[in-house]
Amino acid sequence: MTRKQFNGSMVEVRNDNVEKALRTFKKKIMESGKLMDLKEKEFFEKPTTKRRRIKNQQVRRAQKKREAEALPKKMY
């Protein structure tokens, strides 16, 4: 029997537990970022819109990091 090479993600179903295998598969796909790539390629996004979206994400990420590093407010 010849074993084929797969170029994707593969999850083994054990004890006829398809639900658990599906959850594991979805988790793998989300962690790898393949689903986000697929959604981004679904519709054309103008380069200027893409740059603006990425810049806004960076600003939000930096702001969130600053808030996390800031000292807590005094509670009296």
PDB file of N, CA and C in Angstrom:
ATOM      1  N   MET A   1       0.841  -1.178   0.000  1.00  0.00           N
ATOM      2  CA  MET A   1       0.000   0.000   0.000  1.00  0.00           C
ATOM      3  C   MET A   1       0.883   1.238   0.000  1.00  0.00           C
ATOM      4  N   THR A   2       0.649   2.129  -0.915  1.00  0.00           N
ATOM      5  CA  THR A   2       1.425   3.360  -1.029  1.00  0.00           C
ATOM      6  C   THR A   2       0.783   4.443  -0.189  1.00  0.00           C
ATOM      7  N   ARG A   3       1.607   5.127   0.588  1.00  0.00           N
ATOM      8  CA  ARG A   3       1.111   6.215   1.437  1.00  0.00           C
ATOM      9  C   ARG A   3       1.276   7.533   0.694  1.00  0.00           C
ATOM     10  N   LYS A   4       0.204   8.298   0.599  1.00  0.00           N
ATOM     11  CA  LYS A   4       0.243   9.574  -0.114  1.00  0.00           C
ATOM     12  C   LYS A   4       0.737  10.678   0.815  1.00  0.00           C
ATOM     13  N   GLN A   5       1.431  11.626   0.253  1.00  0.00           N
ATOM     14  CA  GLN A   5       1.866  12.800   1.005  1.00  0.00           C
ATOM     15  C   GLN A   5       0.735  13.831   0.973  1.00  0.00           C
ATOM     16  N   PHE A   6       0.359  14.319   2.133  1.00  0.00           N
ATOM     17  CA  PHE A   6      -0.657  15.365   2.216  1.00  0.00           C
ATOM     18  C   PHE A   6       0.035  16.680   2.478  1.00  0.00           C
ATOM     19  N   ASN A   7      -0.458  17.715   1.855  1.00  0.00           N
ATOM     20  CA  ASN A   7       0.139  19.034   1.999  1.00  0.00           C
ATOM     21  C   ASN A   7      -0.716  19.916   2.899  1.00  0.00           C
ATOM     22  N   GLY A   8      -1.505  19.313   3.755  1.00  0.00           N
ATOM     23  CA  GLY A   8      -2.399  20.079   4.601  1.00  0.00           C
ATOM     24  C   GLY A   8      -2.413  19.548   6.014  1.00  0.00           C
ATOM     25  N   SER A   9      -3.412  19.954   6.767  1.00  0.00           N
ATOM     26  CA  SER A   9      -3.554  19.499   8.144  1.00  0.00           C
ATOM     27  C   SER A   9      -4.350  18.199   8.170  1.00  0.00           C
ATOM     28  N   MET A  10      -3.971  17.330   9.096  1.00  0.00           N
ATOM     29  CA  MET A  10      -4.639  16.044   9.183  1.00  0.00           C
ATOM     30  C   MET A  10      -4.899  15.731  10.647  1.00  0.00           C
ATOM     31  N   VAL A  11      -6.088  15.218  10.945  1.00  0.00           N
ATOM     32  CA  VAL A  11      -6.458  14.846  12.299  1.00  0.00           C
ATOM     33  C   VAL A  11      -6.991  13.428  12.272  1.00  0.00           C
ATOM     34  N   GLU A  12      -6.575  12.639  13.234  1.00  0.00           N
ATOM     35  CA  GLU A  12      -6.994  11.243  13.298  1.00  0.00           C
ATOM     36  C   GLU A  12      -8.251  11.113  14.163  1.00  0.00           C
ATOM     37  N   VAL A  13      -9.244  10.364  13.681  1.00  0.00           N
ATOM     38  CA  VAL A  13     -10.468  10.116  14.437  1.00  0.00           C
ATOM     39  C   VAL A  13     -10.262   8.826  15.234  1.00  0.00           C
ATOM     40  N   ARG A  14     -10.405   8.938  16.544  1.00  0.00           N
ATOM     41  CA  ARG A  14     -10.226   7.776  17.414  1.00  0.00           C
ATOM     42  C   ARG A  14     -11.541   7.438  18.112  1.00  0.00           C
ATOM     43  N   ASN A  15     -11.815   6.150  18.236  1.00  0.00           N
ATOM     44  CA  ASN A  15     -13.008   5.654  18.941  1.00  0.00           C
ATOM     45  C   ASN A  15     -14.303   6.266  18.401  1.00  0.00           C
ATOM     46  N   ASP A  16     -14.373   6.476  17.116  1.00  0.00           N
ATOM     47  CA  ASP A  16     -15.565   7.050  16.467  1.00  0.00           C
ATOM     48  C   ASP A  16     -15.991   8.379  17.081  1.00  0.00           C
ATOM     49  N   ASN A  17     -15.040   9.149  17.604  1.00  0.00           N
ATOM     50  CA  ASN A  17     -15.333  10.443  18.210  1.00  0.00           C
ATOM     51  C   ASN A  17     -15.036  11.545  17.187  1.00  0.00           C
ATOM     52  N   VAL A  18     -15.970  11.735  16.271  1.00  0.00           N
ATOM     53  CA  VAL A  18     -15.792  12.693  15.184  1.00  0.00           C
ATOM     54  C   VAL A  18     -15.846  14.133  15.714  1.00  0.00           C
ATOM     55  N   GLU A  19     -16.694  14.379  16.717  1.00  0.00           N
ATOM     56  CA  GLU A  19     -16.828  15.733  17.260  1.00  0.00           C
ATOM     57  C   GLU A  19     -15.500  16.231  17.828  1.00  0.00           C
ATOM     58  N   LYS A  20     -14.816  15.361  18.572  1.00  0.00           N
ATOM     59  CA  LYS A  20     -13.532  15.754  19.161  1.00  0.00           C
ATOM     60  C   LYS A  20     -12.493  16.001  18.073  1.00  0.00           C
ATOM     61  N   ALA A  21     -12.492  15.155  17.047  1.00  0.00           N
ATOM     62  CA  ALA A  21     -11.558  15.325  15.936  1.00  0.00           C
ATOM     63  C   ALA A  21     -11.833  16.628  15.195  1.00  0.00           C
ATOM     64  N   LEU A  22     -13.103  16.972  15.030  1.00  0.00           N
ATOM     65  CA  LEU A  22     -13.470  18.215  14.358  1.00  0.00           C
ATOM     66  C   LEU A  22     -13.019  19.428  15.162  1.00  0.00           C
ATOM     67  N   ARG A  23     -13.209  19.373  16.492  1.00  0.00           N
ATOM     68  CA  ARG A  23     -12.742  20.470  17.353  1.00  0.00           C
ATOM     69  C   ARG A  23     -11.227  20.635  17.246  1.00  0.00           C
ATOM     70  N   THR A  24     -10.513  19.515  17.260  1.00  0.00           N
ATOM     71  CA  THR A  24      -9.055  19.549  17.149  1.00  0.00           C
ATOM     72  C   THR A  24      -8.629  20.132  15.811  1.00  0.00           C
ATOM     73  N   PHE A  25      -9.320  19.723  14.744  1.00  0.00           N
ATOM     74  CA  PHE A  25      -9.009  20.236  13.409  1.00  0.00           C
ATOM     75  C   PHE A  25      -9.230  21.733  13.333  1.00  0.00           C
ATOM     76  N   LYS A  26     -10.374  22.203  13.854  1.00  0.00           N
ATOM     77  CA  LYS A  26     -10.664  23.638  13.837  1.00  0.00           C
ATOM     78  C   LYS A  26      -9.623  24.425  14.617  1.00  0.00           C
ATOM     79  N   LYS A  27      -9.180  23.875  15.750  1.00  0.00           N
ATOM     80  CA  LYS A  27      -8.161  24.538  16.561  1.00  0.00           C
ATOM     81  C   LYS A  27      -6.842  24.652  15.798  1.00  0.00           C
ATOM     82  N   LYS A  28      -6.464  23.580  15.110  1.00  0.00           N
ATOM     83  CA  LYS A  28      -5.236  23.594  14.312  1.00  0.00           C
ATOM     84  C   LYS A  28      -5.309  24.645  13.206  1.00  0.00           C
ATOM     85  N   ILE A  29      -6.451  24.710  12.541  1.00  0.00           N
ATOM     86  CA  ILE A  29      -6.631  25.661  11.445  1.00  0.00           C
ATOM     87  C   ILE A  29      -6.561  27.097  11.964  1.00  0.00           C
ATOM     88  N   MET A  30      -7.205  27.371  13.095  1.00  0.00           N
ATOM     89  CA  MET A  30      -7.184  28.720  13.659  1.00  0.00           C
ATOM     90  C   MET A  30      -5.775  29.114  14.078  1.00  0.00           C
ATOM     91  N   GLU A  31      -5.029  28.193  14.697  1.00  0.00           N
ATOM     92  CA  GLU A  31      -3.676  28.502  15.150  1.00  0.00           C
ATOM     93  C   GLU A  31      -2.730  28.733  13.977  1.00  0.00           C
ATOM     94  N   SER A  32      -2.927  28.028  12.888  1.00  0.00           N
ATOM     95  CA  SER A  32      -2.026  28.169  11.750  1.00  0.00           C
ATOM     96  C   SER A  32      -2.289  29.456  10.960  1.00  0.00           C
ATOM     97  N   GLY A  33      -3.492  30.017  11.086  1.00  0.00           N
ATOM     98  CA  GLY A  33      -3.819  31.256  10.380  1.00  0.00           C
ATOM     99  C   GLY A  33      -4.318  31.018   8.962  1.00  0.00           C
ATOM    100  N   LYS A  34      -4.545  29.789   8.576  1.00  0.00           N
ATOM    101  CA  LYS A  34      -5.004  29.485   7.218  1.00  0.00           C
ATOM    102  C   LYS A  34      -6.404  30.029   6.965  1.00  0.00           C
ATOM    103  N   LEU A  35      -7.249  30.000   7.986  1.00  0.00           N
ATOM    104  CA  LEU A  35      -8.620  30.477   7.821  1.00  0.00           C
ATOM    105  C   LEU A  35      -8.645  31.988   7.582  1.00  0.00           C
ATOM    106  N   MET A  36      -7.794  32.718   8.307  1.00  0.00           N
ATOM    107  CA  MET A  36      -7.734  34.168   8.115  1.00  0.00           C
ATOM    108  C   MET A  36      -7.235  34.505   6.713  1.00  0.00           C
ATOM    109  N   ASP A  37      -6.237  33.773   6.236  1.00  0.00           N
ATOM    110  CA  ASP A  37      -5.734  33.993   4.880  1.00  0.00           C
ATOM    111  C   ASP A  37      -6.835  33.765   3.859  1.00  0.00           C
ATOM    112  N   LEU A  38      -7.602  32.712   4.052  1.00  0.00           N
ATOM    113  CA  LEU A  38      -8.682  32.393   3.129  1.00  0.00           C
ATOM    114  C   LEU A  38      -9.743  33.493   3.127  1.00  0.00           C
ATOM    115  N   LYS A  39     -10.091  33.992   4.307  1.00  0.00           N
ATOM    116  CA  LYS A  39     -11.092  35.059   4.396  1.00  0.00           C
ATOM    117  C   LYS A  39     -10.586  36.347   3.768  1.00  0.00           C
ATOM    118  N   GLU A  40      -9.280  36.644   3.943  1.00  0.00           N
ATOM    119  CA  GLU A  40      -8.717  37.858   3.353  1.00  0.00           C
ATOM    120  C   GLU A  40      -8.721  37.789   1.832  1.00  0.00           C
ATOM    121  N   LYS A  41      -8.513  36.599   1.276  1.00  0.00           N
ATOM    122  CA  LYS A  41      -8.448  36.443  -0.170  1.00  0.00           C
ATOM    123  C   LYS A  41      -9.822  36.281  -0.807  1.00  0.00           C
ATOM    124  N   GLU A  42     -10.865  36.222   0.013  1.00  0.00           N
ATOM    125  CA  GLU A  42     -12.208  36.022  -0.520  1.00  0.00           C
ATOM    126  C   GLU A  42     -12.656  37.222  -1.354  1.00  0.00           C
ATOM    127  N   PHE A  43     -12.335  38.434  -0.907  1.00  0.00           N
ATOM    128  CA  PHE A  43     -12.693  39.654  -1.617  1.00  0.00           C
ATOM    129  C   PHE A  43     -11.443  40.499  -1.811  1.00  0.00           C
ATOM    130  N   PHE A  44     -11.415  41.261  -2.872  1.00  0.00           N
ATOM    131  CA  PHE A  44     -10.277  42.132  -3.139  1.00  0.00           C
ATOM    132  C   PHE A  44     -10.323  43.318  -2.185  1.00  0.00           C
ATOM    133  N   GLU A  45      -9.169  43.635  -1.629  1.00  0.00           N
ATOM    134  CA  GLU A  45      -9.056  44.789  -0.740  1.00  0.00           C
ATOM    135  C   GLU A  45      -8.018  45.725  -1.335  1.00  0.00           C
ATOM    136  N   LYS A  46      -8.405  46.979  -1.533  1.00  0.00           N
ATOM    137  CA  LYS A  46      -7.488  47.932  -2.132  1.00  0.00           C
ATOM    138  C   LYS A  46      -6.255  48.085  -1.234  1.00  0.00           C
ATOM    139  N   PRO A  47      -5.097  48.301  -1.822  1.00  0.00           N
ATOM    140  CA  PRO A  47      -3.869  48.436  -1.027  1.00  0.00           C
ATOM    141  C   PRO A  47      -3.943  49.537   0.024  1.00  0.00           C
ATOM    142  N   THR A  48      -4.582  50.661  -0.302  1.00  0.00           N
ATOM    143  CA  THR A  48      -4.683  51.742   0.677  1.00  0.00           C
ATOM    144  C   THR A  48      -5.552  51.327   1.858  1.00  0.00           C
ATOM    145  N   THR A  49      -6.631  50.595   1.589  1.00  0.00           N
ATOM    146  CA  THR A  49      -7.513  50.116   2.655  1.00  0.00           C
ATOM    147  C   THR A  49      -6.784  49.109   3.529  1.00  0.00           C
ATOM    148  N   LYS A  50      -5.996  48.251   2.901  1.00  0.00           N
ATOM    149  CA  LYS A  50      -5.240  47.248   3.639  1.00  0.00           C
ATOM    150  C   LYS A  50      -4.211  47.911   4.552  1.00  0.00           C
ATOM    151  N   ARG A  51      -3.492  48.906   4.034  1.00  0.00           N
ATOM    152  CA  ARG A  51      -2.504  49.622   4.858  1.00  0.00           C
ATOM    153  C   ARG A  51      -3.173  50.308   6.045  1.00  0.00           C
ATOM    154  N   ARG A  52      -4.328  50.927   5.786  1.00  0.00           N
ATOM    155  CA  ARG A  52      -5.046  51.623   6.860  1.00  0.00           C
ATOM    156  C   ARG A  52      -5.503  50.639   7.937  1.00  0.00           C
ATOM    157  N   ARG A  53      -6.014  49.478   7.512  1.00  0.00           N
ATOM    158  CA  ARG A  53      -6.473  48.461   8.465  1.00  0.00           C
ATOM    159  C   ARG A  53      -5.316  47.945   9.316  1.00  0.00           C
ATOM    160  N   ILE A  54      -4.185  47.659   8.680  1.00  0.00           N
ATOM    161  CA  ILE A  54      -3.014  47.159   9.412  1.00  0.00           C
ATOM    162  C   ILE A  54      -2.492  48.213  10.373  1.00  0.00           C
ATOM    163  N   LYS A  55      -2.456  49.464   9.946  1.00  0.00           N
ATOM    164  CA  LYS A  55      -1.993  50.558  10.814  1.00  0.00           C
ATOM    165  C   LYS A  55      -2.898  50.702  12.036  1.00  0.00           C
ATOM    166  N   ASN A  56      -4.216  50.618  11.827  1.00  0.00           N
ATOM    167  CA  ASN A  56      -5.161  50.712  12.947  1.00  0.00           C
ATOM    168  C   ASN A  56      -4.980  49.551  13.921  1.00  0.00           C
ATOM    169  N   GLN A  57      -4.712  48.359  13.398  1.00  0.00           N
ATOM    170  CA  GLN A  57      -4.462  47.211  14.267  1.00  0.00           C
ATOM    171  C   GLN A  57      -3.211  47.439  15.108  1.00  0.00           C
ATOM    172  N   GLN A  58      -2.169  47.996  14.507  1.00  0.00           N
ATOM    173  CA  GLN A  58      -0.936  48.266  15.239  1.00  0.00           C
ATOM    174  C   GLN A  58      -1.160  49.299  16.332  1.00  0.00           C
ATOM    175  N   VAL A  59      -1.933  50.336  16.025  1.00  0.00           N
ATOM    176  CA  VAL A  59      -2.218  51.383  17.008  1.00  0.00           C
ATOM    177  C   VAL A  59      -2.993  50.802  18.185  1.00  0.00           C
ATOM    178  N   ARG A  60      -4.020  49.979  17.891  1.00  0.00           N
ATOM    179  CA  ARG A  60      -4.809  49.366  18.964  1.00  0.00           C
ATOM    180  C   ARG A  60      -3.968  48.436  19.821  1.00  0.00           C
ATOM    181  N   ARG A  61      -3.088  47.669  19.180  1.00  0.00           N
ATOM    182  CA  ARG A  61      -2.217  46.747  19.913  1.00  0.00           C
ATOM    183  C   ARG A  61      -1.263  47.511  20.832  1.00  0.00           C
ATOM    184  N   ALA A  62      -0.689  48.614  20.321  1.00  0.00           N
ATOM    185  CA  ALA A  62       0.237  49.422  21.131  1.00  0.00           C
ATOM    186  C   ALA A  62      -0.500  50.076  22.296  1.00  0.00           C
ATOM    187  N   GLN A  63      -1.714  50.564  22.048  1.00  0.00           N
ATOM    188  CA  GLN A  63      -2.501  51.198  23.103  1.00  0.00           C
ATOM    189  C   GLN A  63      -2.859  50.186  24.190  1.00  0.00           C
ATOM    190  N   LYS A  64      -3.232  49.002  23.787  1.00  0.00           N
ATOM    191  CA  LYS A  64      -3.570  47.946  24.747  1.00  0.00           C
ATOM    192  C   LYS A  64      -2.346  47.574  25.593  1.00  0.00           C
ATOM    193  N   LYS A  65      -1.182  47.527  24.960  1.00  0.00           N
ATOM    194  CA  LYS A  65       0.052  47.198  25.675  1.00  0.00           C
ATOM    195  C   LYS A  65       0.393  48.287  26.686  1.00  0.00           C
ATOM    196  N   ARG A  66       0.239  49.563  26.282  1.00  0.00           N
ATOM    197  CA  ARG A  66       0.504  50.685  27.203  1.00  0.00           C
ATOM    198  C   ARG A  66      -0.430  50.637  28.399  1.00  0.00           C
ATOM    199  N   GLU A  67      -1.706  50.336  28.167  1.00  0.00           N
ATOM    200  CA  GLU A  67      -2.674  50.265  29.257  1.00  0.00           C
ATOM    201  C   GLU A  67      -2.336  49.135  30.219  1.00  0.00           C
ATOM    202  N   ALA A  68      -1.840  48.028  29.691  1.00  0.00           N
ATOM    203  CA  ALA A  68      -1.478  46.891  30.542  1.00  0.00           C
ATOM    204  C   ALA A  68      -0.246  47.202  31.390  1.00  0.00           C
ATOM    205  N   GLU A  69       0.683  47.991  30.844  1.00  0.00           N
ATOM    206  CA  GLU A  69       1.904  48.328  31.567  1.00  0.00           C
ATOM    207  C   GLU A  69       1.711  49.491  32.538  1.00  0.00           C
ATOM    208  N   ALA A  70       0.652  50.258  32.382  1.00  0.00           N
ATOM    209  CA  ALA A  70       0.413  51.428  33.225  1.00  0.00           C
ATOM    210  C   ALA A  70       0.126  51.002  34.662  1.00  0.00           C
ATOM    211  N   LEU A  71       0.430  51.891  35.579  1.00  0.00           N
ATOM    212  CA  LEU A  71       0.151  51.623  36.990  1.00  0.00           C
ATOM    213  C   LEU A  71      -1.351  51.635  37.217  1.00  0.00           C
ATOM    214  N   PRO A  72      -1.845  50.825  38.126  1.00  0.00           N
ATOM    215  CA  PRO A  72      -3.284  50.806  38.385  1.00  0.00           C
ATOM    216  C   PRO A  72      -3.721  52.113  39.059  1.00  0.00           C
ATOM    217  N   LYS A  73      -4.989  52.464  38.863  1.00  0.00           N
ATOM    218  CA  LYS A  73      -5.525  53.675  39.474  1.00  0.00           C
ATOM    219  C   LYS A  73      -5.618  53.483  40.982  1.00  0.00           C
ATOM    220  N   LYS A  74      -5.469  54.609  41.689  1.00  0.00           N
ATOM    221  CA  LYS A  74      -5.569  54.525  43.157  1.00  0.00           C
ATOM    222  C   LYS A  74      -7.005  54.223  43.535  1.00  0.00           C
ATOM    223  N   MET A  75      -7.156  53.328  44.457  1.00  0.00           N
ATOM    224  CA  MET A  75      -8.497  52.964  44.910  1.00  0.00           C
ATOM    225  C   MET A  75      -8.635  53.370  46.366  1.00  0.00           C
ATOM    226  N   TYR A  76      -9.345  54.477  46.603  1.00  0.00           N
ATOM    227  CA  TYR A  76      -9.595  54.820  47.972  1.00  0.00           C
ATOM    228  C   TYR A  76     -11.034  54.886  48.247  1.00  0.00           C
TER     229      TYR A  76
END
